[in-house]
Amino acid sequence: MKIRIGYELIYDCAQPTPMILSLSVHYSRMSDMIIPDHLIADPPVPISAYRDSFGNWCSRIVAPKGPLRLSTDAVIRDSGLPDIVVLEARQTPVHELPDETLLFLLGSRYCETDRLSETAWQLFHTTPHGWARVQAICDFVNRHITFGYQHARASKSAWDVFHERSGVCRDYAHLAIAFCRCMNIPARYCTGYLGDIGMPPPYELMDFAGWFEAYLDGHWYTFDARNNTPRIGRVLIARGRDAADVAISNTFGPNILKSFKVRTDEMFDG
């Protein structure tokens, strides 16, 4: 399968404004790129790139005063298969976890394990260990939250989501991540492209998607509490502790995001 991916972001800056952008497809998918997702700035500006502490590709620019259009139009090869399901995957005891997973057991900006630990154990202590426990968490979060873009706000945390019972895909992911960590399962936040490939209409307005990965039986596996079903065509951009680590842009000056468009479409020959 070939998938066309891309975005268009239009900012209006009151003054020259430094920006850090996390918009590049994750390095683990580089061999799948047919047409690379090069960042295009209009008007042109110098762009430098680096890898952050989680291995994500980031770009640095200084946006000029006035409007700035950032875009890409790329094509990626995909297996066309849904997310992997391994029902027999076991939970690894904490003392046997690899060092690099331990960070993803701890609380973070949007995932307050200290405030949610008692609730998590009350809800999930009787569920089977391993894959079934993570799935039980996803099932609960999926039922517990009402989806709606009107419920989104930048400051909303897992604690807020649990009590307000509403949010967007990142909020589903944050609450599920927090519960997993409370139950001693490493979990990390993911952002990327996820279209409606293989799904029946009606289709929602396209946006970047948030999901998470849980560490079970020696592997990181994809889970999606928002959709709560294996999906086709997921294209990873970045991973981190939570959304604070993988924001599509961090801006260091006053600006307005005037327009925001994301595309991800299956391509058909002919």
Protein backbone atom coordinates (compact mmCIF):
# COMPACT_ATOMS: atom_id res chain seq x y z
CA MET A 1 0.00 0.00 0.00
CA LYS A 2 1.11 3.57 -0.73
CA ILE A 3 -0.12 6.41 1.46
CA ARG A 4 0.12 10.10 0.63
CA ILE A 5 0.79 12.14 3.76
CA GLY A 6 1.32 15.81 4.40
CA TYR A 7 0.36 18.97 6.23
CA GLU A 8 0.00 22.71 5.82
CA LEU A 9 0.47 25.02 8.79
CA ILE A 10 0.18 28.79 8.43
CA TYR A 11 1.51 30.96 11.25
CA ASP A 12 1.40 34.72 11.63
CA CYS A 13 4.21 36.05 13.82
CA ALA A 14 4.36 39.50 15.37
CA GLN A 15 8.18 39.44 15.26
CA PRO A 16 10.97 37.06 14.20
CA THR A 17 10.18 33.94 16.24
CA PRO A 18 12.37 30.87 16.92
CA MET A 19 10.51 27.56 16.51
CA ILE A 20 11.21 23.90 17.20
CA LEU A 21 9.13 21.63 14.94
CA SER A 22 8.42 17.90 15.34
CA LEU A 23 6.86 17.16 11.97
CA SER A 24 9.20 14.63 10.35
CA VAL A 25 8.26 10.97 9.98
CA HIS A 26 10.09 8.87 12.58
CA TYR A 27 13.48 7.50 11.56
CA SER A 28 12.18 3.95 12.00
CA ARG A 29 10.02 4.48 8.87
CA MET A 30 12.70 6.10 6.70
CA SER A 31 13.18 2.99 4.56
CA ASP A 32 9.46 3.14 3.70
CA MET A 33 9.56 6.67 2.31
CA ILE A 34 8.97 6.82 -1.46
CA ILE A 35 8.80 10.62 -1.62
CA PRO A 36 10.53 12.18 1.43
CA ASP A 37 8.63 14.50 3.75
CA HIS A 38 10.95 17.49 3.40
CA LEU A 39 9.83 20.56 5.32
CA ILE A 40 9.02 23.44 2.94
CA ALA A 41 8.84 26.98 4.31
CA ASP A 42 7.26 29.88 2.41
CA PRO A 43 8.87 32.37 2.54
CA PRO A 44 12.08 30.30 2.63
CA VAL A 45 14.02 30.28 5.90
CA PRO A 46 17.17 28.40 7.01
CA ILE A 47 16.28 25.02 8.54
CA SER A 48 18.53 22.95 10.79
CA ALA A 49 17.74 19.51 12.18
CA TYR A 50 18.68 17.46 15.23
CA ARG A 51 17.54 14.39 17.16
CA ASP A 52 16.02 14.99 20.57
CA SER A 53 16.66 12.82 23.64
CA PHE A 54 13.96 10.36 22.50
CA GLY A 55 15.45 9.94 19.02
CA ASN A 56 12.82 12.04 17.24
CA TRP A 57 13.80 14.22 14.28
CA CYS A 58 13.25 17.91 15.04
CA SER A 59 13.71 21.04 12.91
CA ARG A 60 14.79 24.50 14.04
CA ILE A 61 13.81 27.69 12.26
CA VAL A 62 13.38 31.38 12.95
CA ALA A 63 10.02 32.37 11.51
CA PRO A 64 10.04 35.86 10.00
CA LYS A 65 7.63 38.58 11.03
CA GLY A 66 4.32 38.09 9.24
CA PRO A 67 2.78 34.98 7.65
CA LEU A 68 4.75 31.73 7.29
CA ARG A 69 3.50 28.61 5.51
CA LEU A 70 5.03 25.25 6.51
CA SER A 71 4.11 22.23 4.43
CA THR A 72 5.11 18.85 3.08
CA ASP A 73 3.68 16.40 0.56
CA ALA A 74 5.13 12.89 0.83
CA VAL A 75 4.42 9.26 -0.05
CA ILE A 76 5.16 6.31 2.22
CA ARG A 77 4.97 2.56 1.65
CA ASP A 78 2.93 0.64 4.21
CA SER A 79 2.19 -3.05 4.77
CA GLY A 80 -1.55 -2.40 4.68
CA LEU A 81 -1.89 -4.61 7.76
CA PRO A 82 -3.67 -3.55 10.95
CA ASP A 83 -1.85 -2.99 14.24
CA ILE A 84 -0.30 -6.15 15.68
CA VAL A 85 -2.24 -7.99 18.39
CA VAL A 86 -0.36 -10.45 20.63
CA LEU A 87 -2.84 -11.67 23.22
CA GLU A 88 -0.27 -13.90 24.92
CA ALA A 89 2.23 -11.07 25.56
CA ARG A 90 3.17 -11.13 29.24
CA GLN A 91 3.81 -8.30 31.67
CA THR A 92 7.48 -8.01 32.60
CA PRO A 93 8.15 -7.68 36.34
CA VAL A 94 9.64 -4.29 37.22
CA HIS A 95 12.93 -5.75 38.43
CA GLU A 96 13.41 -7.43 35.03
CA LEU A 97 12.61 -4.39 32.88
CA PRO A 98 15.42 -2.96 30.69
CA ASP A 99 16.89 0.26 32.03
CA GLU A 100 15.68 2.29 29.05
CA THR A 101 12.02 1.46 29.80
CA LEU A 102 12.03 2.68 33.40
CA LEU A 103 11.49 6.34 32.46
CA PHE A 104 8.13 5.30 31.05
CA LEU A 105 6.99 3.95 34.43
CA LEU A 106 7.26 7.38 36.04
CA GLY A 107 4.82 10.24 36.22
CA SER A 108 5.13 13.07 33.69
CA ARG A 109 3.61 16.46 32.84
CA TYR A 110 0.28 15.10 31.58
CA CYS A 111 0.28 11.66 33.26
CA GLU A 112 0.05 12.06 37.05
CA THR A 113 0.66 8.56 38.33
CA ASP A 114 0.75 9.78 41.94
CA ARG A 115 -2.81 11.12 41.73
CA LEU A 116 -4.24 8.18 39.77
CA SER A 117 -2.47 5.19 41.34
CA GLU A 118 -5.16 4.33 43.89
CA THR A 119 -7.89 4.63 41.25
CA ALA A 120 -5.95 2.47 38.81
CA TRP A 121 -5.48 -0.33 41.31
CA GLN A 122 -9.15 -0.21 42.30
CA LEU A 123 -10.19 -0.49 38.66
CA PHE A 124 -7.68 -2.99 37.28
CA HIS A 125 -6.10 -5.06 40.06
CA THR A 126 -8.31 -8.08 39.22
CA THR A 127 -7.58 -8.02 35.47
CA PRO A 128 -5.15 -10.62 34.07
CA HIS A 129 -1.54 -9.50 33.74
CA GLY A 130 -0.08 -8.69 30.33
CA TRP A 131 -1.92 -7.83 27.13
CA ALA A 132 -5.34 -8.37 28.70
CA ARG A 133 -4.63 -5.76 31.38
CA VAL A 134 -3.58 -3.10 28.86
CA GLN A 135 -6.65 -3.92 26.77
CA ALA A 136 -8.87 -3.62 29.86
CA ILE A 137 -7.39 -0.17 30.45
CA CYS A 138 -8.09 0.81 26.83
CA ASP A 139 -11.65 -0.52 27.08
CA PHE A 140 -12.30 1.52 30.22
CA VAL A 141 -10.79 4.72 28.82
CA ASN A 142 -12.69 4.32 25.55
CA ARG A 143 -16.00 4.01 27.42
CA HIS A 144 -15.17 6.65 30.02
CA ILE A 145 -14.37 9.56 27.69
CA THR A 146 -16.65 11.42 25.28
CA PHE A 147 -14.72 12.57 22.20
CA GLY A 148 -15.01 16.13 20.94
CA TYR A 149 -12.63 18.81 19.68
CA GLN A 150 -14.54 21.35 21.77
CA HIS A 151 -13.20 19.53 24.85
CA ALA A 152 -9.53 20.06 23.93
CA ARG A 153 -7.24 22.37 25.87
CA ALA A 154 -3.47 22.50 26.13
CA SER A 155 -3.38 22.20 29.92
CA LYS A 156 -5.65 19.13 30.25
CA SER A 157 -3.95 16.23 32.04
CA ALA A 158 -4.89 12.60 32.66
CA TRP A 159 -6.29 13.58 36.08
CA ASP A 160 -8.48 16.23 34.44
CA VAL A 161 -9.62 13.82 31.73
CA PHE A 162 -10.60 11.17 34.26
CA HIS A 163 -12.81 13.61 36.15
CA GLU A 164 -14.17 15.60 33.19
CA ARG A 165 -14.78 12.47 31.08
CA SER A 166 -14.22 14.28 27.78
CA GLY A 167 -11.35 15.01 25.44
CA VAL A 168 -9.54 14.32 22.18
CA CYS A 169 -7.22 11.50 21.13
CA ARG A 170 -4.26 12.77 23.14
CA ASP A 171 -6.43 12.79 26.27
CA TYR A 172 -7.42 9.16 25.74
CA ALA A 173 -3.73 8.30 25.36
CA HIS A 174 -2.68 10.25 28.45
CA LEU A 175 -5.23 8.57 30.71
CA ALA A 176 -4.39 5.09 29.39
CA ILE A 177 -0.66 5.76 29.76
CA ALA A 178 -1.10 6.95 33.33
CA PHE A 179 -3.14 3.86 34.25
CA CYS A 180 -0.58 1.53 32.62
CA ARG A 181 2.28 3.14 34.54
CA CYS A 182 0.29 2.91 37.77
CA MET A 183 -0.05 -0.84 37.08
CA ASN A 184 3.75 -1.14 36.54
CA ILE A 185 3.55 -1.36 32.75
CA PRO A 186 5.89 1.05 30.86
CA ALA A 187 3.91 3.20 28.44
CA ARG A 188 4.96 5.99 26.08
CA TYR A 189 3.07 8.57 24.04
CA CYS A 190 3.09 8.52 20.22
CA THR A 191 1.99 11.05 17.64
CA GLY A 192 1.68 10.68 13.90
CA TYR A 193 -0.58 10.29 10.90
CA LEU A 194 -3.64 8.04 11.08
CA GLY A 195 -6.24 8.23 8.34
CA ASP A 196 -9.52 6.43 7.85
CA ILE A 197 -8.10 3.66 5.66
CA GLY A 198 -10.26 0.56 5.98
CA MET A 199 -12.91 2.35 8.02
CA PRO A 200 -16.52 3.03 6.96
CA PRO A 201 -17.75 6.63 6.58
CA PRO A 202 -18.56 9.18 7.86
CA TYR A 203 -14.98 10.48 8.18
CA GLU A 204 -13.89 13.14 10.63
CA LEU A 205 -11.77 16.17 9.84
CA MET A 206 -8.16 15.02 9.50
CA ASP A 207 -5.69 15.82 12.27
CA PHE A 208 -2.48 14.40 13.67
CA ALA A 209 -3.33 11.47 15.94
CA GLY A 210 -2.20 10.48 19.42
CA TRP A 211 -1.87 6.89 20.64
CA PHE A 212 0.51 4.98 22.91
CA GLU A 213 2.83 2.01 23.14
CA ALA A 214 3.04 -0.39 26.08
CA TYR A 215 6.08 -2.54 26.88
CA LEU A 216 5.12 -6.20 27.20
CA ASP A 217 7.20 -9.37 26.98
CA GLY A 218 10.28 -7.62 25.60
CA HIS A 219 8.54 -5.51 22.93
CA TRP A 220 6.75 -2.19 22.52
CA TYR A 221 3.20 -2.70 21.18
CA THR A 222 0.76 -0.16 19.77
CA PHE A 223 -2.49 0.55 21.62
CA ASP A 224 -5.12 3.14 20.78
CA ALA A 225 -7.65 3.90 23.51
CA ARG A 226 -9.47 6.42 21.31
CA ASN A 227 -10.28 4.05 18.43
CA ASN A 228 -9.80 0.86 20.47
CA THR A 229 -9.47 -1.34 17.41
CA PRO A 230 -6.46 -2.28 15.24
CA ARG A 231 -6.07 0.30 12.47
CA ILE A 232 -4.35 0.38 9.07
CA GLY A 233 -1.84 2.98 7.89
CA ARG A 234 -0.48 4.34 11.16
CA VAL A 235 2.63 6.50 10.44
CA LEU A 236 4.70 7.43 13.48
CA ILE A 237 6.22 10.89 13.82
CA ALA A 238 7.49 11.01 17.40
CA ARG A 239 7.51 9.29 20.79
CA GLY A 240 7.91 10.67 24.30
CA ARG A 241 6.70 10.57 27.88
CA ASP A 242 3.55 12.48 26.92
CA ALA A 243 2.39 15.19 24.50
CA ALA A 244 4.75 17.75 26.04
CA ASP A 245 7.69 15.87 24.51
CA VAL A 246 6.26 15.63 20.97
CA ALA A 247 4.46 18.93 20.33
CA ILE A 248 4.31 19.62 16.59
CA SER A 249 5.69 23.10 17.33
CA ASN A 250 7.26 24.93 20.21
CA THR A 251 7.32 28.66 19.52
CA PHE A 252 9.32 31.26 21.39
CA GLY A 253 7.40 34.46 20.72
CA PRO A 254 3.87 35.72 20.00
CA ASN A 255 2.17 34.06 17.04
CA ILE A 256 -1.20 32.91 15.72
CA LEU A 257 -1.80 29.57 14.00
CA LYS A 258 -4.02 30.80 11.17
CA SER A 259 -4.56 27.49 9.35
CA PHE A 260 -3.97 23.81 10.09
CA LYS A 261 -4.46 20.98 7.59
CA VAL A 262 -3.34 17.33 7.65
CA ARG A 263 -3.77 14.72 4.94
CA THR A 264 -3.27 10.96 4.82
CA ASP A 265 -4.86 9.09 1.91
CA GLU A 266 -4.39 5.71 0.36
CA MET A 267 -3.06 5.99 -3.20
CA PHE A 268 -4.43 3.89 -6.03
CA ASP A 269 -2.51 3.20 -9.24
CA GLY A 270 -4.04 4.76 -12.32
